[in-house]
Amino acid sequence: MSINACAQLVEAADIMRFRTTMAAPVAARAVLFPIHAFCLEVAKAPWVTKESMIAEMRLQFWRDVLSEIQENKAPRAHEVAAPLAGVLDHAAALALDASVTARQWDIYSDPHENEAALHRYLHATYVIPMHVAARLLGAEETHGKALNRLGFAGALGRYFAAIPALQEHGRTPLLDGRADAVAALAKETVQKARWGAQNLKGVSKSARAPMLDAMMHLPLLRQAAKDPVAVIEGRLGQGPVKASLRLAGVSQLSNWAVF
């Protein structure tokens, strides 16, 4: 029940998460890998079965894990639950409950009720875990707004990249999938993310580590702003060389305004 088990899960399921976490200071990895592994386990719960009740039960398992952490109960003998209990405090476990609840949307085929609902979904499933990890690694509450804006950009970049797969599974990921609407949302999010990146002065390298993934997904949003049809056609992406160079830059420099 080790951090290594969580790292192996992340490496197998999400190579970008793995690479950005390995670019973080060693001490930060011990916090990040259990949180990332938890998010991956929660994210896949609705997709491993076609039975909605079983999917709901899988999500409930993780809500129970978080409740037990809040109550200081002995952690379950689970490859992710036990390491997770070792890094979360009461407030973190309470906050992550919203991430589990939000994943109920993935079980069913109903579209998001409105644009605000989509924003809440992205905030709960991506921004909240990022906030939790950043706080545990030393980020201050005063950086909350910057974290929100940068985190939403990372969430939207990942969501855009997943749209073809969501559509194949019968989901309606966007209420307004017109090219101009997609481009406008991407452009607005990039502008807000740039403000967020510029207002993270004083945040330590460890506390920045949870935000590396968001920084790595900004190029996808810039691409979507210029070529919104690429979102629907599944053409978003950056080559391995550019991705490696970007990761080297954002993981070493403290001034993210240049990215």
C-alpha atoms as a PDB file:
ATOM      1  CA  MET A   1       0.000   0.000   0.000  1.00  0.00           C
ATOM      2  CA  SER A   2       2.655   2.473  -1.071  1.00  0.00           C
ATOM      3  CA  ILE A   3       3.122   5.655  -3.012  1.00  0.00           C
ATOM      4  CA  ASN A   4       4.810   3.527  -5.677  1.00  0.00           C
ATOM      5  CA  ALA A   5       1.556   1.652  -6.310  1.00  0.00           C
ATOM      6  CA  CYS A   6      -0.218   4.968  -6.883  1.00  0.00           C
ATOM      7  CA  ALA A   7       2.574   6.115  -9.180  1.00  0.00           C
ATOM      8  CA  GLN A   8       2.257   2.939 -11.249  1.00  0.00           C
ATOM      9  CA  LEU A   9      -1.491   3.461 -11.596  1.00  0.00           C
ATOM     10  CA  VAL A  10      -0.975   7.030 -12.773  1.00  0.00           C
ATOM     11  CA  GLU A  11       1.763   6.036 -15.216  1.00  0.00           C
ATOM     12  CA  ALA A  12      -0.450   3.342 -16.768  1.00  0.00           C
ATOM     13  CA  ALA A  13      -3.563   5.509 -17.066  1.00  0.00           C
ATOM     14  CA  ASP A  14      -2.348   9.076 -17.618  1.00  0.00           C
ATOM     15  CA  ILE A  15       1.188   9.553 -18.872  1.00  0.00           C
ATOM     16  CA  MET A  16       0.961  13.367 -18.820  1.00  0.00           C
ATOM     17  CA  ARG A  17      -0.014  13.351 -15.147  1.00  0.00           C
ATOM     18  CA  PHE A  18       2.825  10.974 -14.472  1.00  0.00           C
ATOM     19  CA  ARG A  19       5.383  13.096 -16.285  1.00  0.00           C
ATOM     20  CA  THR A  20       4.315  16.354 -14.639  1.00  0.00           C
ATOM     21  CA  THR A  21       4.363  14.692 -11.225  1.00  0.00           C
ATOM     22  CA  MET A  22       7.827  13.259 -11.804  1.00  0.00           C
ATOM     23  CA  ALA A  23       8.947  16.799 -12.674  1.00  0.00           C
ATOM     24  CA  ALA A  24       7.881  17.933  -9.189  1.00  0.00           C
ATOM     25  CA  PRO A  25      10.141  17.892  -6.127  1.00  0.00           C
ATOM     26  CA  VAL A  26      10.401  14.422  -4.576  1.00  0.00           C
ATOM     27  CA  ALA A  27       8.527  15.416  -1.421  1.00  0.00           C
ATOM     28  CA  ALA A  28       5.648  16.788  -3.502  1.00  0.00           C
ATOM     29  CA  ARG A  29       5.287  13.512  -5.385  1.00  0.00           C
ATOM     30  CA  ALA A  30       4.356  11.747  -2.149  1.00  0.00           C
ATOM     31  CA  VAL A  31       1.300  14.016  -1.919  1.00  0.00           C
ATOM     32  CA  LEU A  32       0.466  14.186  -5.611  1.00  0.00           C
ATOM     33  CA  PHE A  33       0.526  10.521  -6.601  1.00  0.00           C
ATOM     34  CA  PRO A  34      -2.142   9.385  -4.096  1.00  0.00           C
ATOM     35  CA  ILE A  35      -4.416  12.313  -5.041  1.00  0.00           C
ATOM     36  CA  HIS A  36      -3.936  11.694  -8.765  1.00  0.00           C
ATOM     37  CA  ALA A  37      -4.553   7.966  -8.321  1.00  0.00           C
ATOM     38  CA  PHE A  38      -7.716   8.727  -6.356  1.00  0.00           C
ATOM     39  CA  CYS A  39      -8.956  11.035  -9.128  1.00  0.00           C
ATOM     40  CA  LEU A  40      -8.275   8.368 -11.752  1.00  0.00           C
ATOM     41  CA  GLU A  41     -10.103   5.697  -9.757  1.00  0.00           C
ATOM     42  CA  VAL A  42     -13.095   7.979  -9.306  1.00  0.00           C
ATOM     43  CA  ALA A  43     -13.042   9.044 -12.954  1.00  0.00           C
ATOM     44  CA  LYS A  44     -13.097   5.476 -14.269  1.00  0.00           C
ATOM     45  CA  ALA A  45     -15.823   4.251 -11.895  1.00  0.00           C
ATOM     46  CA  PRO A  46     -18.731   5.286 -14.177  1.00  0.00           C
ATOM     47  CA  TRP A  47     -17.131   3.682 -17.231  1.00  0.00           C
ATOM     48  CA  VAL A  48     -16.251   0.167 -16.066  1.00  0.00           C
ATOM     49  CA  THR A  49     -19.865  -0.990 -16.117  1.00  0.00           C
ATOM     50  CA  LYS A  50     -23.055  -0.298 -18.046  1.00  0.00           C
ATOM     51  CA  GLU A  51     -25.121  -0.792 -14.893  1.00  0.00           C
ATOM     52  CA  SER A  52     -25.799   2.632 -13.378  1.00  0.00           C
ATOM     53  CA  MET A  53     -26.444   1.171  -9.916  1.00  0.00           C
ATOM     54  CA  ILE A  54     -23.065  -0.562  -9.871  1.00  0.00           C
ATOM     55  CA  ALA A  55     -21.381   2.635 -11.043  1.00  0.00           C
ATOM     56  CA  GLU A  56     -23.114   4.550  -8.255  1.00  0.00           C
ATOM     57  CA  MET A  57     -21.874   1.939  -5.767  1.00  0.00           C
ATOM     58  CA  ARG A  58     -18.313   2.359  -7.018  1.00  0.00           C
ATOM     59  CA  LEU A  59     -18.533   6.090  -6.471  1.00  0.00           C
ATOM     60  CA  GLN A  60     -20.057   5.517  -3.038  1.00  0.00           C
ATOM     61  CA  PHE A  61     -17.025   3.416  -2.130  1.00  0.00           C
ATOM     62  CA  TRP A  62     -14.830   6.468  -2.564  1.00  0.00           C
ATOM     63  CA  ARG A  63     -17.224   8.712  -0.682  1.00  0.00           C
ATOM     64  CA  ASP A  64     -17.003   6.213   2.165  1.00  0.00           C
ATOM     65  CA  VAL A  65     -13.212   6.271   1.980  1.00  0.00           C
ATOM     66  CA  LEU A  66     -13.242  10.058   2.299  1.00  0.00           C
ATOM     67  CA  SER A  67     -15.731   9.918   5.179  1.00  0.00           C
ATOM     68  CA  GLU A  68     -13.510   7.475   7.035  1.00  0.00           C
ATOM     69  CA  ILE A  69     -10.527   9.768   6.572  1.00  0.00           C
ATOM     70  CA  GLN A  70     -12.549  12.668   8.005  1.00  0.00           C
ATOM     71  CA  GLU A  71     -13.435  10.499  11.002  1.00  0.00           C
ATOM     72  CA  ASN A  72      -9.797   9.418  11.514  1.00  0.00           C
ATOM     73  CA  LYS A  73     -10.695   5.762  11.061  1.00  0.00           C
ATOM     74  CA  ALA A  74      -8.062   3.226  10.048  1.00  0.00           C
ATOM     75  CA  PRO A  75      -7.642   3.318   6.273  1.00  0.00           C
ATOM     76  CA  ARG A  76      -8.947   0.503   4.116  1.00  0.00           C
ATOM     77  CA  ALA A  77      -6.478  -2.054   2.791  1.00  0.00           C
ATOM     78  CA  HIS A  78      -6.673  -0.666  -0.728  1.00  0.00           C
ATOM     79  CA  GLU A  79      -3.768   0.303  -2.955  1.00  0.00           C
ATOM     80  CA  VAL A  80      -5.051   3.888  -3.279  1.00  0.00           C
ATOM     81  CA  ALA A  81      -7.237   4.374  -0.189  1.00  0.00           C
ATOM     82  CA  ALA A  82      -4.426   3.695   2.281  1.00  0.00           C
ATOM     83  CA  PRO A  83      -1.832   6.077   0.758  1.00  0.00           C
ATOM     84  CA  LEU A  84      -4.579   8.670   0.280  1.00  0.00           C
ATOM     85  CA  ALA A  85      -5.407   8.546   3.979  1.00  0.00           C
ATOM     86  CA  GLY A  86      -1.755   9.211   4.682  1.00  0.00           C
ATOM     87  CA  VAL A  87      -1.717  12.568   2.892  1.00  0.00           C
ATOM     88  CA  LEU A  88      -5.196  14.071   3.347  1.00  0.00           C
ATOM     89  CA  ASP A  89      -6.343  16.071   6.345  1.00  0.00           C
ATOM     90  CA  HIS A  90      -9.991  16.534   7.352  1.00  0.00           C
ATOM     91  CA  ALA A  91     -10.532  19.600   5.165  1.00  0.00           C
ATOM     92  CA  ALA A  92      -8.975  17.934   2.118  1.00  0.00           C
ATOM     93  CA  ALA A  93     -11.121  14.813   2.456  1.00  0.00           C
ATOM     94  CA  LEU A  94     -14.227  16.955   2.864  1.00  0.00           C
ATOM     95  CA  ALA A  95     -13.408  19.012  -0.230  1.00  0.00           C
ATOM     96  CA  LEU A  96     -12.743  15.964  -2.414  1.00  0.00           C
ATOM     97  CA  ASP A  97     -16.225  14.601  -1.761  1.00  0.00           C
ATOM     98  CA  ALA A  98     -17.501  17.088  -4.345  1.00  0.00           C
ATOM     99  CA  SER A  99     -15.165  15.524  -6.926  1.00  0.00           C
ATOM    100  CA  VAL A 100     -16.805  12.142  -6.395  1.00  0.00           C
ATOM    101  CA  THR A 101     -20.346  13.532  -6.538  1.00  0.00           C
ATOM    102  CA  ALA A 102     -19.629  15.385  -9.784  1.00  0.00           C
ATOM    103  CA  ARG A 103     -18.667  12.124 -11.496  1.00  0.00           C
ATOM    104  CA  GLN A 104     -22.282  10.999 -11.351  1.00  0.00           C
ATOM    105  CA  TRP A 105     -22.751  12.994 -14.556  1.00  0.00           C
ATOM    106  CA  ASP A 106     -20.493  10.490 -16.321  1.00  0.00           C
ATOM    107  CA  ILE A 107     -22.831   7.622 -15.458  1.00  0.00           C
ATOM    108  CA  TYR A 108     -25.776   8.918 -17.431  1.00  0.00           C
ATOM    109  CA  SER A 109     -26.283  10.328 -20.929  1.00  0.00           C
ATOM    110  CA  ASP A 110     -28.023  13.562 -19.939  1.00  0.00           C
ATOM    111  CA  PRO A 111     -26.256  16.727 -21.100  1.00  0.00           C
ATOM    112  CA  HIS A 112     -25.119  19.342 -18.611  1.00  0.00           C
ATOM    113  CA  GLU A 113     -28.121  21.426 -17.563  1.00  0.00           C
ATOM    114  CA  ASN A 114     -26.475  24.676 -18.621  1.00  0.00           C
ATOM    115  CA  GLU A 115     -23.066  26.288 -19.005  1.00  0.00           C
ATOM    116  CA  ALA A 116     -22.860  26.920 -15.268  1.00  0.00           C
ATOM    117  CA  ALA A 117     -23.356  23.184 -14.660  1.00  0.00           C
ATOM    118  CA  LEU A 118     -20.460  22.386 -16.994  1.00  0.00           C
ATOM    119  CA  HIS A 119     -18.281  24.856 -15.126  1.00  0.00           C
ATOM    120  CA  ARG A 120     -19.246  23.280 -11.794  1.00  0.00           C
ATOM    121  CA  TYR A 121     -18.410  19.837 -13.157  1.00  0.00           C
ATOM    122  CA  LEU A 122     -14.969  20.931 -14.348  1.00  0.00           C
ATOM    123  CA  HIS A 123     -14.306  22.787 -11.116  1.00  0.00           C
ATOM    124  CA  ALA A 124     -15.260  19.827  -8.963  1.00  0.00           C
ATOM    125  CA  THR A 125     -13.449  17.150 -10.942  1.00  0.00           C
ATOM    126  CA  TYR A 126     -10.216  19.027 -11.665  1.00  0.00           C
ATOM    127  CA  VAL A 127      -9.856  22.342  -9.860  1.00  0.00           C
ATOM    128  CA  ILE A 128     -10.792  21.102  -6.389  1.00  0.00           C
ATOM    129  CA  PRO A 129      -8.205  18.279  -6.375  1.00  0.00           C
ATOM    130  CA  MET A 130      -5.609  20.747  -7.643  1.00  0.00           C
ATOM    131  CA  HIS A 131      -6.546  23.183  -4.872  1.00  0.00           C
ATOM    132  CA  VAL A 132      -6.313  20.438  -2.258  1.00  0.00           C
ATOM    133  CA  ALA A 133      -2.880  19.313  -3.417  1.00  0.00           C
ATOM    134  CA  ALA A 134      -1.565  22.872  -3.681  1.00  0.00           C
ATOM    135  CA  ARG A 135      -2.767  23.728  -0.170  1.00  0.00           C
ATOM    136  CA  LEU A 136      -1.239  20.582   1.301  1.00  0.00           C
ATOM    137  CA  LEU A 137       2.026  21.581  -0.370  1.00  0.00           C
ATOM    138  CA  GLY A 138       2.001  25.125   0.988  1.00  0.00           C
ATOM    139  CA  ALA A 139      -0.145  27.342  -1.249  1.00  0.00           C
ATOM    140  CA  GLU A 140      -1.979  30.142   0.549  1.00  0.00           C
ATOM    141  CA  GLU A 141      -5.675  31.039   0.384  1.00  0.00           C
ATOM    142  CA  THR A 142      -4.688  34.366  -1.173  1.00  0.00           C
ATOM    143  CA  HIS A 143      -3.770  32.468  -4.327  1.00  0.00           C
ATOM    144  CA  GLY A 144      -7.249  30.958  -4.622  1.00  0.00           C
ATOM    145  CA  LYS A 145      -8.489  33.084  -7.524  1.00  0.00           C
ATOM    146  CA  ALA A 146      -5.331  32.506  -9.549  1.00  0.00           C
ATOM    147  CA  LEU A 147      -5.578  28.780  -8.877  1.00  0.00           C
ATOM    148  CA  ASN A 148      -9.208  28.752  -9.982  1.00  0.00           C
ATOM    149  CA  ARG A 149      -8.479  30.416 -13.290  1.00  0.00           C
ATOM    150  CA  LEU A 150      -5.447  28.341 -14.109  1.00  0.00           C
ATOM    151  CA  GLY A 151      -7.160  25.170 -12.928  1.00  0.00           C
ATOM    152  CA  PHE A 152     -10.225  25.769 -15.059  1.00  0.00           C
ATOM    153  CA  ALA A 153      -7.984  26.110 -18.100  1.00  0.00           C
ATOM    154  CA  GLY A 154      -6.406  22.744 -17.367  1.00  0.00           C
ATOM    155  CA  ALA A 155      -9.827  21.199 -16.855  1.00  0.00           C
ATOM    156  CA  LEU A 156     -11.207  22.622 -20.095  1.00  0.00           C
ATOM    157  CA  GLY A 157      -8.145  21.561 -22.082  1.00  0.00           C
ATOM    158  CA  ARG A 158      -8.534  17.996 -20.882  1.00  0.00           C
ATOM    159  CA  TYR A 159     -12.286  18.109 -21.458  1.00  0.00           C
ATOM    160  CA  PHE A 160     -11.880  19.357 -25.022  1.00  0.00           C
ATOM    161  CA  ALA A 161      -9.430  16.528 -25.695  1.00  0.00           C
ATOM    162  CA  ALA A 162     -11.958  13.995 -24.371  1.00  0.00           C
ATOM    163  CA  ILE A 163     -14.946  15.228 -26.398  1.00  0.00           C
ATOM    164  CA  PRO A 164     -14.674  12.714 -29.275  1.00  0.00           C
ATOM    165  CA  ALA A 165     -14.576   9.816 -26.798  1.00  0.00           C
ATOM    166  CA  LEU A 166     -17.515  11.244 -24.830  1.00  0.00           C
ATOM    167  CA  GLN A 167     -19.546  11.534 -28.003  1.00  0.00           C
ATOM    168  CA  GLU A 168     -18.722   7.962 -28.980  1.00  0.00           C
ATOM    169  CA  HIS A 169     -20.184   6.877 -25.647  1.00  0.00           C
ATOM    170  CA  GLY A 170     -23.419   8.735 -26.274  1.00  0.00           C
ATOM    171  CA  ARG A 171     -22.696  11.788 -24.143  1.00  0.00           C
ATOM    172  CA  THR A 172     -23.431  15.400 -25.064  1.00  0.00           C
ATOM    173  CA  PRO A 173     -20.335  17.173 -23.714  1.00  0.00           C
ATOM    174  CA  LEU A 174     -21.104  20.682 -25.020  1.00  0.00           C
ATOM    175  CA  LEU A 175     -24.405  22.525 -24.940  1.00  0.00           C
ATOM    176  CA  ASP A 176     -23.179  24.787 -27.735  1.00  0.00           C
ATOM    177  CA  GLY A 177     -20.796  22.929 -29.994  1.00  0.00           C
ATOM    178  CA  ARG A 178     -20.678  25.547 -32.733  1.00  0.00           C
ATOM    179  CA  ALA A 179     -17.157  26.373 -33.834  1.00  0.00           C
ATOM    180  CA  ASP A 180     -17.419  30.056 -32.870  1.00  0.00           C
ATOM    181  CA  ALA A 181     -18.743  29.183 -29.408  1.00  0.00           C
ATOM    182  CA  VAL A 182     -15.917  26.693 -28.802  1.00  0.00           C
ATOM    183  CA  ALA A 183     -13.335  29.226 -30.005  1.00  0.00           C
ATOM    184  CA  ALA A 184     -14.775  31.982 -27.790  1.00  0.00           C
ATOM    185  CA  LEU A 185     -14.751  29.759 -24.690  1.00  0.00           C
ATOM    186  CA  ALA A 186     -11.178  28.664 -25.367  1.00  0.00           C
ATOM    187  CA  LYS A 187      -9.957  32.227 -25.939  1.00  0.00           C
ATOM    188  CA  GLU A 188     -11.641  33.566 -22.799  1.00  0.00           C
ATOM    189  CA  THR A 189     -10.239  30.728 -20.708  1.00  0.00           C
ATOM    190  CA  VAL A 190      -6.703  31.272 -21.981  1.00  0.00           C
ATOM    191  CA  GLN A 191      -6.894  34.962 -21.090  1.00  0.00           C
ATOM    192  CA  LYS A 192      -8.066  34.173 -17.570  1.00  0.00           C
ATOM    193  CA  ALA A 193      -5.430  31.480 -17.191  1.00  0.00           C
ATOM    194  CA  ARG A 194      -2.728  33.927 -18.227  1.00  0.00           C
ATOM    195  CA  TRP A 195      -3.885  36.244 -15.434  1.00  0.00           C
ATOM    196  CA  GLY A 196      -3.793  33.309 -13.039  1.00  0.00           C
ATOM    197  CA  ALA A 197      -0.266  32.353 -14.043  1.00  0.00           C
ATOM    198  CA  GLN A 198       0.898  35.945 -13.602  1.00  0.00           C
ATOM    199  CA  ASN A 199      -0.520  36.107 -10.078  1.00  0.00           C
ATOM    200  CA  LEU A 200       1.217  33.131  -8.525  1.00  0.00           C
ATOM    201  CA  LYS A 201       4.195  35.093  -7.274  1.00  0.00           C
ATOM    202  CA  GLY A 202       5.646  33.753  -4.083  1.00  0.00           C
ATOM    203  CA  VAL A 203       4.281  30.239  -4.526  1.00  0.00           C
ATOM    204  CA  SER A 204       6.946  27.626  -3.866  1.00  0.00           C
ATOM    205  CA  LYS A 205       8.042  25.065  -6.432  1.00  0.00           C
ATOM    206  CA  SER A 206       6.333  22.319  -4.450  1.00  0.00           C
ATOM    207  CA  ALA A 207       3.050  24.226  -4.235  1.00  0.00           C
ATOM    208  CA  ARG A 208       3.205  24.923  -7.979  1.00  0.00           C
ATOM    209  CA  ALA A 209       3.603  21.240  -8.780  1.00  0.00           C
ATOM    210  CA  PRO A 210      -0.154  20.462  -8.853  1.00  0.00           C
ATOM    211  CA  MET A 211      -0.572  23.194 -11.476  1.00  0.00           C
ATOM    212  CA  LEU A 212       1.959  21.811 -13.960  1.00  0.00           C
ATOM    213  CA  ASP A 213      -0.697  19.737 -15.703  1.00  0.00           C
ATOM    214  CA  ALA A 214      -2.844  22.819 -16.264  1.00  0.00           C
ATOM    215  CA  MET A 215       0.116  24.682 -17.732  1.00  0.00           C
ATOM    216  CA  MET A 216       0.749  21.755 -20.066  1.00  0.00           C
ATOM    217  CA  HIS A 217      -2.805  21.973 -21.417  1.00  0.00           C
ATOM    218  CA  LEU A 218      -2.820  25.685 -22.278  1.00  0.00           C
ATOM    219  CA  PRO A 219      -1.470  24.993 -25.804  1.00  0.00           C
ATOM    220  CA  LEU A 220      -4.543  22.834 -26.473  1.00  0.00           C
ATOM    221  CA  LEU A 221      -6.804  25.759 -25.639  1.00  0.00           C
ATOM    222  CA  ARG A 222      -4.811  28.095 -27.869  1.00  0.00           C
ATOM    223  CA  GLN A 223      -5.167  25.540 -30.656  1.00  0.00           C
ATOM    224  CA  ALA A 224      -8.916  25.294 -29.993  1.00  0.00           C
ATOM    225  CA  ALA A 225      -9.243  29.077 -30.155  1.00  0.00           C
ATOM    226  CA  LYS A 226      -7.629  29.126 -33.592  1.00  0.00           C
ATOM    227  CA  ASP A 227      -9.059  25.859 -34.928  1.00  0.00           C
ATOM    228  CA  PRO A 228     -12.213  24.942 -32.967  1.00  0.00           C
ATOM    229  CA  VAL A 229     -13.134  22.182 -35.413  1.00  0.00           C
ATOM    230  CA  ALA A 230     -10.062  20.323 -34.147  1.00  0.00           C
ATOM    231  CA  VAL A 231     -11.916  19.795 -30.863  1.00  0.00           C
ATOM    232  CA  ILE A 232     -14.759  17.855 -32.488  1.00  0.00           C
ATOM    233  CA  GLU A 233     -12.452  16.010 -34.863  1.00  0.00           C
ATOM    234  CA  GLY A 234     -10.052  14.981 -32.093  1.00  0.00           C
ATOM    235  CA  ARG A 235      -7.029  16.763 -33.550  1.00  0.00           C
ATOM    236  CA  LEU A 236      -5.968  18.612 -30.430  1.00  0.00           C
ATOM    237  CA  GLY A 237      -2.481  17.845 -29.274  1.00  0.00           C
ATOM    238  CA  GLN A 238       1.167  18.801 -29.227  1.00  0.00           C
ATOM    239  CA  GLY A 239       4.120  16.779 -30.413  1.00  0.00           C
ATOM    240  CA  PRO A 240       6.401  14.975 -27.943  1.00  0.00           C
ATOM    241  CA  VAL A 241       9.322  17.326 -28.511  1.00  0.00           C
ATOM    242  CA  LYS A 242       7.256  20.461 -27.869  1.00  0.00           C
ATOM    243  CA  ALA A 243       5.614  18.837 -24.861  1.00  0.00           C
ATOM    244  CA  SER A 244       8.986  17.887 -23.377  1.00  0.00           C
ATOM    245  CA  LEU A 245      10.391  21.368 -23.901  1.00  0.00           C
ATOM    246  CA  ARG A 246       7.323  22.972 -22.369  1.00  0.00           C
ATOM    247  CA  LEU A 247       7.419  20.678 -19.337  1.00  0.00           C
ATOM    248  CA  ALA A 248      11.091  21.472 -18.810  1.00  0.00           C
ATOM    249  CA  GLY A 249      10.279  25.171 -18.896  1.00  0.00           C
ATOM    250  CA  VAL A 250       7.228  25.268 -16.664  1.00  0.00           C
ATOM    251  CA  SER A 251       8.761  22.914 -14.108  1.00  0.00           C
ATOM    252  CA  GLN A 252      11.924  25.004 -13.709  1.00  0.00           C
ATOM    253  CA  LEU A 253      10.860  28.628 -14.118  1.00  0.00           C
ATOM    254  CA  SER A 254       8.847  30.505 -11.499  1.00  0.00           C
ATOM    255  CA  ASN A 255       7.643  33.160 -13.950  1.00  0.00           C
ATOM    256  CA  TRP A 256       4.827  31.447 -15.832  1.00  0.00           C
ATOM    257  CA  ALA A 257       3.721  34.672 -17.500  1.00  0.00           C
ATOM    258  CA  VAL A 258       6.020  33.834 -20.424  1.00  0.00           C
ATOM    259  CA  PHE A 259       4.078  30.617 -21.125  1.00  0.00           C
END
